[in-house]
Amino acid sequence: MLEKYLDIKPEVEEALKNREPVVALESTIISHGMPYPKNVETALGVENIVRQNGAVPATIGILGGKLKVGLTEDEVEYLGKAKNVIKTSRRDIPFVVSKKLDGATTVASTMFIAALAGIKVFATGGIGGVHRGAQETFDISADLQELAQTNVAVVCAGAKAILDIGLTLEYIETCGVPVVGYGTDEFPAFYTRMSGYKVDYRVDNAEELAAALKTKWDLGLDGGVVVANPIPEEHEMDYYVITKAINDAVAEAEAKGIKGKETTPFLLARVKELTGGDSLESNIALVYNNAKVAAQLSLELAKLYK
């Protein structure tokens, strides 16, 4: 039945069949996260980093209603240029698929499709979470519920800094999802290495992390793991500069009545403008760093499942 919906790239399918390391990658960053041609360059750069570190990249998206696990270079280029691509979370998948539309997958939908294909490690920029003012709006990303139920480790630079990080971590704890600091005791805040909040556990190498993941899933403890991998020091932004830009962007979004799935793309684009493009360069650096760690983790995990 799944074959009707899933289209797995031959290279990815072969790797999965042989229990070799595969890293899932999202496509929202291509269609909604960055301007062209930077989006395509970054997506292909991330794939190259995964390869250089011993794993097979599987960029996930929806094209013509097919759940694509592993995009070709032409398909990445298409998503980078096309204007009618739907930002697709878990709730949107059946409609985008049944109508044979094109969709770019968020963290939640990428996790879901990765799990369908049998991929256990996913690299992204930052997870979604609890938005500022959520005690009134209840604006909470579907990413967190997906983490609660889907067996995929998500390597990220923490939660997007535009969110309420404290409430996001509280919600994640309620879902029973471990937050692991990769080489850090502090939860990173996307553009910066500091947030003022601690992680649940610190691990300093991929081998240790892979052993914990396998133990978790062997015990039937369903759900993902947040692998919080801080942006490299040389690429992090000044805490006060980025905080002011985010606060200004949030205030502007509220004034304009921007809500729901339009919020994150608006805020990221506005922060980029307010920082003179510096936030985009930091964003690319942290995604590359996450791809490297995800590939190393996938490699160690594959050894345990051989």
C-alpha atoms as a PDB file:
ATOM      1  CA  MET A   1       0.000   0.000   0.000  1.00  0.00           C
ATOM      2  CA  LEU A   2       2.755   2.457   0.917  1.00  0.00           C
ATOM      3  CA  GLU A   3       4.435   1.936  -2.464  1.00  0.00           C
ATOM      4  CA  LYS A   4       1.502   3.805  -3.994  1.00  0.00           C
ATOM      5  CA  TYR A   5       2.520   6.960  -2.144  1.00  0.00           C
ATOM      6  CA  LEU A   6       6.261   6.625  -1.439  1.00  0.00           C
ATOM      7  CA  ASP A   7       8.903   7.252  -4.089  1.00  0.00           C
ATOM      8  CA  ILE A   8      12.334   6.416  -2.670  1.00  0.00           C
ATOM      9  CA  LYS A   9      15.393   7.407  -4.698  1.00  0.00           C
ATOM     10  CA  PRO A  10      17.298   4.233  -5.762  1.00  0.00           C
ATOM     11  CA  GLU A  11      20.486   5.303  -3.950  1.00  0.00           C
ATOM     12  CA  VAL A  12      18.547   5.824  -0.717  1.00  0.00           C
ATOM     13  CA  GLU A  13      16.572   2.600  -1.128  1.00  0.00           C
ATOM     14  CA  GLU A  14      19.773   0.610  -1.627  1.00  0.00           C
ATOM     15  CA  ALA A  15      21.359   2.151   1.475  1.00  0.00           C
ATOM     16  CA  LEU A  16      18.288   1.394   3.603  1.00  0.00           C
ATOM     17  CA  LYS A  17      18.112  -2.186   2.325  1.00  0.00           C
ATOM     18  CA  ASN A  18      21.764  -2.715   3.314  1.00  0.00           C
ATOM     19  CA  ARG A  19      21.316  -0.935   6.674  1.00  0.00           C
ATOM     20  CA  GLU A  20      23.766   1.765   5.706  1.00  0.00           C
ATOM     21  CA  PRO A  21      23.620   5.292   7.185  1.00  0.00           C
ATOM     22  CA  VAL A  22      21.002   7.646   5.724  1.00  0.00           C
ATOM     23  CA  VAL A  23      20.176  11.202   6.844  1.00  0.00           C
ATOM     24  CA  ALA A  24      16.780  12.768   6.140  1.00  0.00           C
ATOM     25  CA  LEU A  25      16.689  16.464   5.166  1.00  0.00           C
ATOM     26  CA  GLU A  26      13.685  18.768   4.961  1.00  0.00           C
ATOM     27  CA  SER A  27      12.567  20.884   2.010  1.00  0.00           C
ATOM     28  CA  THR A  28      10.823  23.852   3.640  1.00  0.00           C
ATOM     29  CA  ILE A  29      14.244  25.458   3.936  1.00  0.00           C
ATOM     30  CA  ILE A  30      14.415  25.310   0.119  1.00  0.00           C
ATOM     31  CA  SER A  31      10.993  26.714  -0.746  1.00  0.00           C
ATOM     32  CA  HIS A  32      10.159  28.912   2.250  1.00  0.00           C
ATOM     33  CA  GLY A  33      13.353  29.392   4.266  1.00  0.00           C
ATOM     34  CA  MET A  34      15.821  31.156   1.970  1.00  0.00           C
ATOM     35  CA  PRO A  35      15.847  33.204  -1.244  1.00  0.00           C
ATOM     36  CA  TYR A  36      16.899  31.720  -4.601  1.00  0.00           C
ATOM     37  CA  PRO A  37      19.641  30.751  -5.483  1.00  0.00           C
ATOM     38  CA  LYS A  38      20.975  30.583  -1.899  1.00  0.00           C
ATOM     39  CA  ASN A  39      18.310  28.023  -1.010  1.00  0.00           C
ATOM     40  CA  VAL A  40      19.381  25.587  -3.731  1.00  0.00           C
ATOM     41  CA  GLU A  41      23.102  26.111  -3.061  1.00  0.00           C
ATOM     42  CA  THR A  42      22.528  25.441   0.650  1.00  0.00           C
ATOM     43  CA  ALA A  43      20.390  22.330   0.071  1.00  0.00           C
ATOM     44  CA  LEU A  44      22.983  20.798  -2.255  1.00  0.00           C
ATOM     45  CA  GLY A  45      25.767  21.870   0.120  1.00  0.00           C
ATOM     46  CA  VAL A  46      24.038  20.076   2.992  1.00  0.00           C
ATOM     47  CA  GLU A  47      23.764  16.916   0.891  1.00  0.00           C
ATOM     48  CA  ASN A  48      27.499  17.104   0.098  1.00  0.00           C
ATOM     49  CA  ILE A  49      28.391  17.434   3.782  1.00  0.00           C
ATOM     50  CA  VAL A  50      26.287  14.361   4.602  1.00  0.00           C
ATOM     51  CA  ARG A  51      28.155  12.426   1.901  1.00  0.00           C
ATOM     52  CA  GLN A  52      31.569  13.671   3.053  1.00  0.00           C
ATOM     53  CA  ASN A  53      30.802  12.303   6.510  1.00  0.00           C
ATOM     54  CA  GLY A  54      29.908   8.820   5.321  1.00  0.00           C
ATOM     55  CA  ALA A  55      26.112   8.843   4.961  1.00  0.00           C
ATOM     56  CA  VAL A  56      23.570   9.032   2.133  1.00  0.00           C
ATOM     57  CA  PRO A  57      21.434  12.210   2.035  1.00  0.00           C
ATOM     58  CA  ALA A  58      17.669  11.899   1.549  1.00  0.00           C
ATOM     59  CA  THR A  59      16.065  15.300   0.994  1.00  0.00           C
ATOM     60  CA  ILE A  60      12.325  14.844   1.447  1.00  0.00           C
ATOM     61  CA  GLY A  61       9.538  16.660  -0.381  1.00  0.00           C
ATOM     62  CA  ILE A  62       6.229  16.100  -2.172  1.00  0.00           C
ATOM     63  CA  LEU A  63       6.115  16.418  -5.957  1.00  0.00           C
ATOM     64  CA  GLY A  64       2.969  15.803  -7.956  1.00  0.00           C
ATOM     65  CA  GLY A  65       1.447  14.145  -4.896  1.00  0.00           C
ATOM     66  CA  LYS A  66       4.327  11.675  -4.440  1.00  0.00           C
ATOM     67  CA  LEU A  67       6.179  11.464  -1.123  1.00  0.00           C
ATOM     68  CA  LYS A  68       9.739  11.780  -2.418  1.00  0.00           C
ATOM     69  CA  VAL A  69      12.495  10.365  -0.208  1.00  0.00           C
ATOM     70  CA  GLY A  70      15.656  11.631  -1.853  1.00  0.00           C
ATOM     71  CA  LEU A  71      15.362  14.459  -4.386  1.00  0.00           C
ATOM     72  CA  THR A  72      17.421  14.771  -7.553  1.00  0.00           C
ATOM     73  CA  GLU A  73      19.402  17.961  -8.199  1.00  0.00           C
ATOM     74  CA  ASP A  74      16.786  19.039 -10.762  1.00  0.00           C
ATOM     75  CA  GLU A  75      13.999  18.498  -8.214  1.00  0.00           C
ATOM     76  CA  VAL A  76      15.845  20.598  -5.619  1.00  0.00           C
ATOM     77  CA  GLU A  77      16.260  23.325  -8.261  1.00  0.00           C
ATOM     78  CA  TYR A  78      12.545  23.121  -9.065  1.00  0.00           C
ATOM     79  CA  LEU A  79      11.526  23.510  -5.402  1.00  0.00           C
ATOM     80  CA  GLY A  80      13.925  26.435  -5.078  1.00  0.00           C
ATOM     81  CA  LYS A  81      12.277  28.334  -7.940  1.00  0.00           C
ATOM     82  CA  ALA A  82       8.605  27.263  -7.907  1.00  0.00           C
ATOM     83  CA  LYS A  83       6.084  29.733  -6.454  1.00  0.00           C
ATOM     84  CA  ASN A  84       3.138  27.405  -5.781  1.00  0.00           C
ATOM     85  CA  VAL A  85       4.800  24.948  -3.378  1.00  0.00           C
ATOM     86  CA  ILE A  86       2.686  24.343  -0.264  1.00  0.00           C
ATOM     87  CA  LYS A  87       4.350  24.479   3.133  1.00  0.00           C
ATOM     88  CA  THR A  88       3.309  21.004   4.260  1.00  0.00           C
ATOM     89  CA  SER A  89       3.001  19.868   7.863  1.00  0.00           C
ATOM     90  CA  ARG A  90       1.530  16.548   9.042  1.00  0.00           C
ATOM     91  CA  ARG A  91      -2.115  17.682   8.724  1.00  0.00           C
ATOM     92  CA  ASP A  92      -1.588  18.817   5.123  1.00  0.00           C
ATOM     93  CA  ILE A  93      -0.063  15.594   3.740  1.00  0.00           C
ATOM     94  CA  PRO A  94      -3.295  13.754   2.723  1.00  0.00           C
ATOM     95  CA  PHE A  95      -4.635  16.799   0.855  1.00  0.00           C
ATOM     96  CA  VAL A  96      -1.380  17.676  -0.918  1.00  0.00           C
ATOM     97  CA  VAL A  97      -0.964  14.006  -1.926  1.00  0.00           C
ATOM     98  CA  SER A  98      -4.557  13.322  -3.008  1.00  0.00           C
ATOM     99  CA  LYS A  99      -4.686  16.536  -5.066  1.00  0.00           C
ATOM    100  CA  LYS A 100      -1.285  15.654  -6.622  1.00  0.00           C
ATOM    101  CA  LEU A 101       0.243  18.974  -5.555  1.00  0.00           C
ATOM    102  CA  ASP A 102       3.792  20.011  -4.708  1.00  0.00           C
ATOM    103  CA  GLY A 103       4.718  20.375  -1.046  1.00  0.00           C
ATOM    104  CA  ALA A 104       7.784  21.362   0.950  1.00  0.00           C
ATOM    105  CA  THR A 105       8.015  19.384   4.165  1.00  0.00           C
ATOM    106  CA  THR A 106       8.371  20.923   7.620  1.00  0.00           C
ATOM    107  CA  VAL A 107      10.123  19.233  10.547  1.00  0.00           C
ATOM    108  CA  ALA A 108       6.926  17.356  11.481  1.00  0.00           C
ATOM    109  CA  SER A 109       6.119  16.044   7.999  1.00  0.00           C
ATOM    110  CA  THR A 110       9.771  15.251   7.216  1.00  0.00           C
ATOM    111  CA  MET A 111       9.949  13.171  10.403  1.00  0.00           C
ATOM    112  CA  PHE A 112       6.743  11.335   9.471  1.00  0.00           C
ATOM    113  CA  ILE A 113       7.888  10.530   5.919  1.00  0.00           C
ATOM    114  CA  ALA A 114      11.409   9.617   7.095  1.00  0.00           C
ATOM    115  CA  ALA A 115       9.920   7.130   9.564  1.00  0.00           C
ATOM    116  CA  LEU A 116       7.712   5.646   6.808  1.00  0.00           C
ATOM    117  CA  ALA A 117      10.862   5.000   4.789  1.00  0.00           C
ATOM    118  CA  GLY A 118      12.824   3.634   7.765  1.00  0.00           C
ATOM    119  CA  ILE A 119      15.213   6.589   8.276  1.00  0.00           C
ATOM    120  CA  LYS A 120      16.134   7.249  11.918  1.00  0.00           C
ATOM    121  CA  VAL A 121      18.223  10.461  11.748  1.00  0.00           C
ATOM    122  CA  PHE A 122      17.145  13.858  10.432  1.00  0.00           C
ATOM    123  CA  ALA A 123      19.140  17.094  10.170  1.00  0.00           C
ATOM    124  CA  THR A 124      17.433  20.480  10.132  1.00  0.00           C
ATOM    125  CA  GLY A 125      18.115  24.076  11.158  1.00  0.00           C
ATOM    126  CA  GLY A 126      15.914  24.472  14.212  1.00  0.00           C
ATOM    127  CA  ILE A 127      12.722  22.828  15.437  1.00  0.00           C
ATOM    128  CA  GLY A 128       9.438  24.658  15.762  1.00  0.00           C
ATOM    129  CA  GLY A 129       7.915  25.091  19.190  1.00  0.00           C
ATOM    130  CA  VAL A 130       5.737  27.235  21.405  1.00  0.00           C
ATOM    131  CA  HIS A 131       5.304  30.720  19.990  1.00  0.00           C
ATOM    132  CA  ARG A 132       5.551  33.820  22.114  1.00  0.00           C
ATOM    133  CA  GLY A 133       2.165  34.640  23.610  1.00  0.00           C
ATOM    134  CA  ALA A 134       0.969  31.047  23.183  1.00  0.00           C
ATOM    135  CA  GLN A 135      -0.792  31.205  26.566  1.00  0.00           C
ATOM    136  CA  GLU A 136      -3.374  33.317  24.682  1.00  0.00           C
ATOM    137  CA  THR A 137      -3.057  32.114  21.076  1.00  0.00           C
ATOM    138  CA  PHE A 138      -2.247  28.399  21.664  1.00  0.00           C
ATOM    139  CA  ASP A 139       0.158  28.702  18.708  1.00  0.00           C
ATOM    140  CA  ILE A 140       2.282  25.572  19.163  1.00  0.00           C
ATOM    141  CA  SER A 141       4.147  23.878  16.333  1.00  0.00           C
ATOM    142  CA  ALA A 142       3.105  20.384  15.231  1.00  0.00           C
ATOM    143  CA  ASP A 143       6.828  19.549  15.364  1.00  0.00           C
ATOM    144  CA  LEU A 144       6.525  18.938  19.102  1.00  0.00           C
ATOM    145  CA  GLN A 145       3.697  16.402  18.818  1.00  0.00           C
ATOM    146  CA  GLU A 146       5.614  14.638  16.054  1.00  0.00           C
ATOM    147  CA  LEU A 147       8.639  14.394  18.335  1.00  0.00           C
ATOM    148  CA  ALA A 148       6.381  12.799  20.944  1.00  0.00           C
ATOM    149  CA  GLN A 149       5.353   9.916  18.685  1.00  0.00           C
ATOM    150  CA  THR A 150       7.823   9.381  15.829  1.00  0.00           C
ATOM    151  CA  ASN A 151      11.072   7.435  16.220  1.00  0.00           C
ATOM    152  CA  VAL A 152      13.456   9.856  14.536  1.00  0.00           C
ATOM    153  CA  ALA A 153      16.379  11.739  16.107  1.00  0.00           C
ATOM    154  CA  VAL A 154      16.352  15.403  15.069  1.00  0.00           C
ATOM    155  CA  VAL A 155      19.730  17.145  14.941  1.00  0.00           C
ATOM    156  CA  CYS A 156      19.118  20.891  15.213  1.00  0.00           C
ATOM    157  CA  ALA A 157      20.624  24.101  16.557  1.00  0.00           C
ATOM    158  CA  GLY A 158      17.908  24.187  19.213  1.00  0.00           C
ATOM    159  CA  ALA A 159      14.527  25.818  18.678  1.00  0.00           C
ATOM    160  CA  LYS A 160      14.111  28.778  16.374  1.00  0.00           C
ATOM    161  CA  ALA A 161      15.048  31.896  18.336  1.00  0.00           C
ATOM    162  CA  ILE A 162      11.761  33.596  17.385  1.00  0.00           C
ATOM    163  CA  LEU A 163       9.956  31.209  19.785  1.00  0.00           C
ATOM    164  CA  ASP A 164       9.393  31.112  23.540  1.00  0.00           C
ATOM    165  CA  ILE A 165      12.251  28.724  24.317  1.00  0.00           C
ATOM    166  CA  GLY A 166      11.346  28.178  27.969  1.00  0.00           C
ATOM    167  CA  LEU A 167       7.775  27.125  27.149  1.00  0.00           C
ATOM    168  CA  THR A 168       9.011  25.020  24.242  1.00  0.00           C
ATOM    169  CA  LEU A 169      11.276  23.036  26.554  1.00  0.00           C
ATOM    170  CA  GLU A 170       8.459  22.611  29.097  1.00  0.00           C
ATOM    171  CA  TYR A 171       6.184  21.233  26.364  1.00  0.00           C
ATOM    172  CA  ILE A 172       8.890  18.873  25.105  1.00  0.00           C
ATOM    173  CA  GLU A 173       9.377  17.571  28.658  1.00  0.00           C
ATOM    174  CA  THR A 174       5.635  16.891  28.949  1.00  0.00           C
ATOM    175  CA  CYS A 175       5.860  14.849  25.737  1.00  0.00           C
ATOM    176  CA  GLY A 176       8.597  12.693  27.280  1.00  0.00           C
ATOM    177  CA  VAL A 177      11.131  13.669  24.626  1.00  0.00           C
ATOM    178  CA  PRO A 178      14.782  13.829  25.751  1.00  0.00           C
ATOM    179  CA  VAL A 179      16.682  17.036  24.930  1.00  0.00           C
ATOM    180  CA  VAL A 180      20.344  16.156  24.448  1.00  0.00           C
ATOM    181  CA  GLY A 181      23.108  18.740  24.239  1.00  0.00           C
ATOM    182  CA  TYR A 182      25.769  17.715  21.747  1.00  0.00           C
ATOM    183  CA  GLY A 183      28.963  18.911  23.398  1.00  0.00           C
ATOM    184  CA  THR A 184      27.011  21.447  25.464  1.00  0.00           C
ATOM    185  CA  ASP A 185      25.152  21.741  28.775  1.00  0.00           C
ATOM    186  CA  GLU A 186      23.066  24.679  27.542  1.00  0.00           C
ATOM    187  CA  PHE A 187      20.221  24.549  25.048  1.00  0.00           C
ATOM    188  CA  PRO A 188      21.261  26.611  22.015  1.00  0.00           C
ATOM    189  CA  ALA A 189      19.016  29.326  20.604  1.00  0.00           C
ATOM    190  CA  PHE A 190      19.554  28.854  16.871  1.00  0.00           C
ATOM    191  CA  TYR A 191      21.642  31.953  16.003  1.00  0.00           C
ATOM    192  CA  THR A 192      23.472  31.859  19.355  1.00  0.00           C
ATOM    193  CA  ARG A 193      24.968  29.167  21.558  1.00  0.00           C
ATOM    194  CA  MET A 194      23.218  30.434  24.681  1.00  0.00           C
ATOM    195  CA  SER A 195      19.592  30.546  25.753  1.00  0.00           C
ATOM    196  CA  GLY A 196      19.768  30.493  29.553  1.00  0.00           C
ATOM    197  CA  TYR A 197      18.195  27.017  29.647  1.00  0.00           C
ATOM    198  CA  LYS A 198      19.846  23.669  30.362  1.00  0.00           C
ATOM    199  CA  VAL A 199      19.537  20.419  28.374  1.00  0.00           C
ATOM    200  CA  ASP A 200      18.414  17.123  29.938  1.00  0.00           C
ATOM    201  CA  TYR A 201      21.606  15.256  29.053  1.00  0.00           C
ATOM    202  CA  ARG A 202      24.952  16.110  27.520  1.00  0.00           C
ATOM    203  CA  VAL A 203      26.766  13.773  25.120  1.00  0.00           C
ATOM    204  CA  ASP A 204      30.158  14.469  23.596  1.00  0.00           C
ATOM    205  CA  ASN A 205      30.330  11.992  20.718  1.00  0.00           C
ATOM    206  CA  ALA A 206      28.120  10.236  18.189  1.00  0.00           C
ATOM    207  CA  GLU A 207      28.885   6.745  19.508  1.00  0.00           C
ATOM    208  CA  GLU A 208      27.498   7.549  22.970  1.00  0.00           C
ATOM    209  CA  LEU A 209      24.407   9.160  21.470  1.00  0.00           C
ATOM    210  CA  ALA A 210      23.725   6.255  19.102  1.00  0.00           C
ATOM    211  CA  ALA A 211      23.828   3.785  22.007  1.00  0.00           C
ATOM    212  CA  ALA A 212      21.239   5.841  23.927  1.00  0.00           C
ATOM    213  CA  LEU A 213      18.953   6.081  20.884  1.00  0.00           C
ATOM    214  CA  LYS A 214      19.030   2.347  20.211  1.00  0.00           C
ATOM    215  CA  THR A 215      18.348   1.633  23.892  1.00  0.00           C
ATOM    216  CA  LYS A 216      15.366   4.013  23.862  1.00  0.00           C
ATOM    217  CA  TRP A 217      13.743   2.410  20.835  1.00  0.00           C
ATOM    218  CA  ASP A 218      14.633  -1.162  21.859  1.00  0.00           C
ATOM    219  CA  LEU A 219      12.678  -0.552  25.063  1.00  0.00           C
ATOM    220  CA  GLY A 220       9.624   0.561  23.115  1.00  0.00           C
ATOM    221  CA  LEU A 221       9.959   4.167  24.270  1.00  0.00           C
ATOM    222  CA  ASP A 222       8.406   5.640  21.163  1.00  0.00           C
ATOM    223  CA  GLY A 223       9.143   9.183  20.108  1.00  0.00           C
ATOM    224  CA  GLY A 224      12.058  11.209  18.891  1.00  0.00           C
ATOM    225  CA  VAL A 225      15.036  12.872  20.493  1.00  0.00           C
ATOM    226  CA  VAL A 226      16.090  16.507  20.166  1.00  0.00           C
ATOM    227  CA  VAL A 227      19.837  16.592  19.511  1.00  0.00           C
ATOM    228  CA  ALA A 228      20.715  20.205  20.306  1.00  0.00           C
ATOM    229  CA  ASN A 229      23.894  21.001  18.392  1.00  0.00           C
ATOM    230  CA  PRO A 230      25.038  24.608  18.913  1.00  0.00           C
ATOM    231  CA  ILE A 231      26.065  26.845  16.036  1.00  0.00           C
ATOM    232  CA  PRO A 232      29.894  27.002  15.723  1.00  0.00           C
ATOM    233  CA  GLU A 233      31.311  29.889  17.760  1.00  0.00           C
ATOM    234  CA  GLU A 234      32.805  31.647  14.750  1.00  0.00           C
ATOM    235  CA  HIS A 235      29.371  31.880  13.113  1.00  0.00           C
ATOM    236  CA  GLU A 236      27.136  32.792  16.059  1.00  0.00           C
ATOM    237  CA  MET A 237      25.528  36.216  16.154  1.00  0.00           C
ATOM    238  CA  ASP A 238      25.809  38.829  18.857  1.00  0.00           C
ATOM    239  CA  TYR A 239      23.137  37.924  21.414  1.00  0.00           C
ATOM    240  CA  TYR A 240      21.864  41.490  21.876  1.00  0.00           C
ATOM    241  CA  VAL A 241      21.787  42.316  18.152  1.00  0.00           C
ATOM    242  CA  ILE A 242      19.785  39.216  17.237  1.00  0.00           C
ATOM    243  CA  THR A 243      17.472  39.556  20.271  1.00  0.00           C
ATOM    244  CA  LYS A 244      16.546  43.125  19.296  1.00  0.00           C
ATOM    245  CA  ALA A 245      15.947  42.108  15.669  1.00  0.00           C
ATOM    246  CA  ILE A 246      13.687  39.238  16.750  1.00  0.00           C
ATOM    247  CA  ASN A 247      11.723  41.383  19.199  1.00  0.00           C
ATOM    248  CA  ASP A 248      11.189  44.048  16.510  1.00  0.00           C
ATOM    249  CA  ALA A 249      10.090  41.409  13.968  1.00  0.00           C
ATOM    250  CA  VAL A 250       7.659  39.806  16.442  1.00  0.00           C
ATOM    251  CA  ALA A 251       6.095  43.188  17.218  1.00  0.00           C
ATOM    252  CA  GLU A 252       5.705  43.878  13.509  1.00  0.00           C
ATOM    253  CA  ALA A 253       4.065  40.485  12.889  1.00  0.00           C
ATOM    254  CA  GLU A 254       1.576  41.153  15.688  1.00  0.00           C
ATOM    255  CA  ALA A 255       0.776  44.605  14.300  1.00  0.00           C
ATOM    256  CA  LYS A 256       0.142  43.129  10.841  1.00  0.00           C
ATOM    257  CA  GLY A 257      -1.966  40.256  12.212  1.00  0.00           C
ATOM    258  CA  ILE A 258       0.311  37.571  10.783  1.00  0.00           C
ATOM    259  CA  LYS A 259      -0.538  34.187  12.333  1.00  0.00           C
ATOM    260  CA  GLY A 260      -0.231  30.408  11.924  1.00  0.00           C
ATOM    261  CA  LYS A 261       2.034  28.857   9.315  1.00  0.00           C
ATOM    262  CA  GLU A 262       2.839  32.289   7.826  1.00  0.00           C
ATOM    263  CA  THR A 263       4.485  33.437  11.075  1.00  0.00           C
ATOM    264  CA  THR A 264       7.841  31.673  10.856  1.00  0.00           C
ATOM    265  CA  PRO A 265       8.671  32.557   7.209  1.00  0.00           C
ATOM    266  CA  PHE A 266       7.729  36.207   7.877  1.00  0.00           C
ATOM    267  CA  LEU A 267       9.819  36.448  11.046  1.00  0.00           C
ATOM    268  CA  LEU A 268      12.885  34.770   9.529  1.00  0.00           C
ATOM    269  CA  ALA A 269      12.742  37.033   6.453  1.00  0.00           C
ATOM    270  CA  ARG A 270      12.277  40.153   8.584  1.00  0.00           C
ATOM    271  CA  VAL A 271      15.122  39.212  10.944  1.00  0.00           C
ATOM    272  CA  LYS A 272      17.348  38.739   7.882  1.00  0.00           C
ATOM    273  CA  GLU A 273      16.479  42.265   6.710  1.00  0.00           C
ATOM    274  CA  LEU A 274      17.004  43.779  10.160  1.00  0.00           C
ATOM    275  CA  THR A 275      20.436  42.140  10.529  1.00  0.00           C
ATOM    276  CA  GLY A 276      21.617  43.102   7.055  1.00  0.00           C
ATOM    277  CA  GLY A 277      21.709  39.461   5.943  1.00  0.00           C
ATOM    278  CA  ASP A 278      23.927  38.290   8.796  1.00  0.00           C
ATOM    279  CA  SER A 279      21.218  35.975  10.143  1.00  0.00           C
ATOM    280  CA  LEU A 280      21.037  34.142   6.788  1.00  0.00           C
ATOM    281  CA  GLU A 281      24.775  33.408   6.840  1.00  0.00           C
ATOM    282  CA  SER A 282      24.498  32.131  10.421  1.00  0.00           C
ATOM    283  CA  ASN A 283      21.504  30.015   9.404  1.00  0.00           C
ATOM    284  CA  ILE A 284      23.492  28.342   6.607  1.00  0.00           C
ATOM    285  CA  ALA A 285      26.481  27.689   8.899  1.00  0.00           C
ATOM    286  CA  LEU A 286      24.366  25.992  11.560  1.00  0.00           C
ATOM    287  CA  VAL A 287      22.548  23.807   9.010  1.00  0.00           C
ATOM    288  CA  TYR A 288      25.898  22.621   7.631  1.00  0.00           C
ATOM    289  CA  ASN A 289      27.093  21.854  11.151  1.00  0.00           C
ATOM    290  CA  ASN A 290      23.925  19.874  11.891  1.00  0.00           C
ATOM    291  CA  ALA A 291      24.324  17.867   8.683  1.00  0.00           C
ATOM    292  CA  LYS A 292      27.836  16.856   9.741  1.00  0.00           C
ATOM    293  CA  VAL A 293      26.738  15.668  13.202  1.00  0.00           C
ATOM    294  CA  ALA A 294      23.663  13.893  11.790  1.00  0.00           C
ATOM    295  CA  ALA A 295      25.820  11.952   9.324  1.00  0.00           C
ATOM    296  CA  GLN A 296      28.227  10.923  12.094  1.00  0.00           C
ATOM    297  CA  LEU A 297      25.289   9.854  14.282  1.00  0.00           C
ATOM    298  CA  SER A 298      23.686   7.901  11.442  1.00  0.00           C
ATOM    299  CA  LEU A 299      26.997   6.121  10.832  1.00  0.00           C
ATOM    300  CA  GLU A 300      27.270   5.026  14.479  1.00  0.00           C
ATOM    301  CA  LEU A 301      23.616   4.003  14.628  1.00  0.00           C
ATOM    302  CA  ALA A 302      23.964   1.917  11.467  1.00  0.00           C
ATOM    303  CA  LYS A 303      26.806  -0.033  13.106  1.00  0.00           C
ATOM    304  CA  LEU A 304      24.500  -0.960  15.997  1.00  0.00           C
ATOM    305  CA  TYR A 305      21.753  -2.213  13.660  1.00  0.00           C
ATOM    306  CA  LYS A 306      24.037  -4.298  11.410  1.00  0.00           C
END
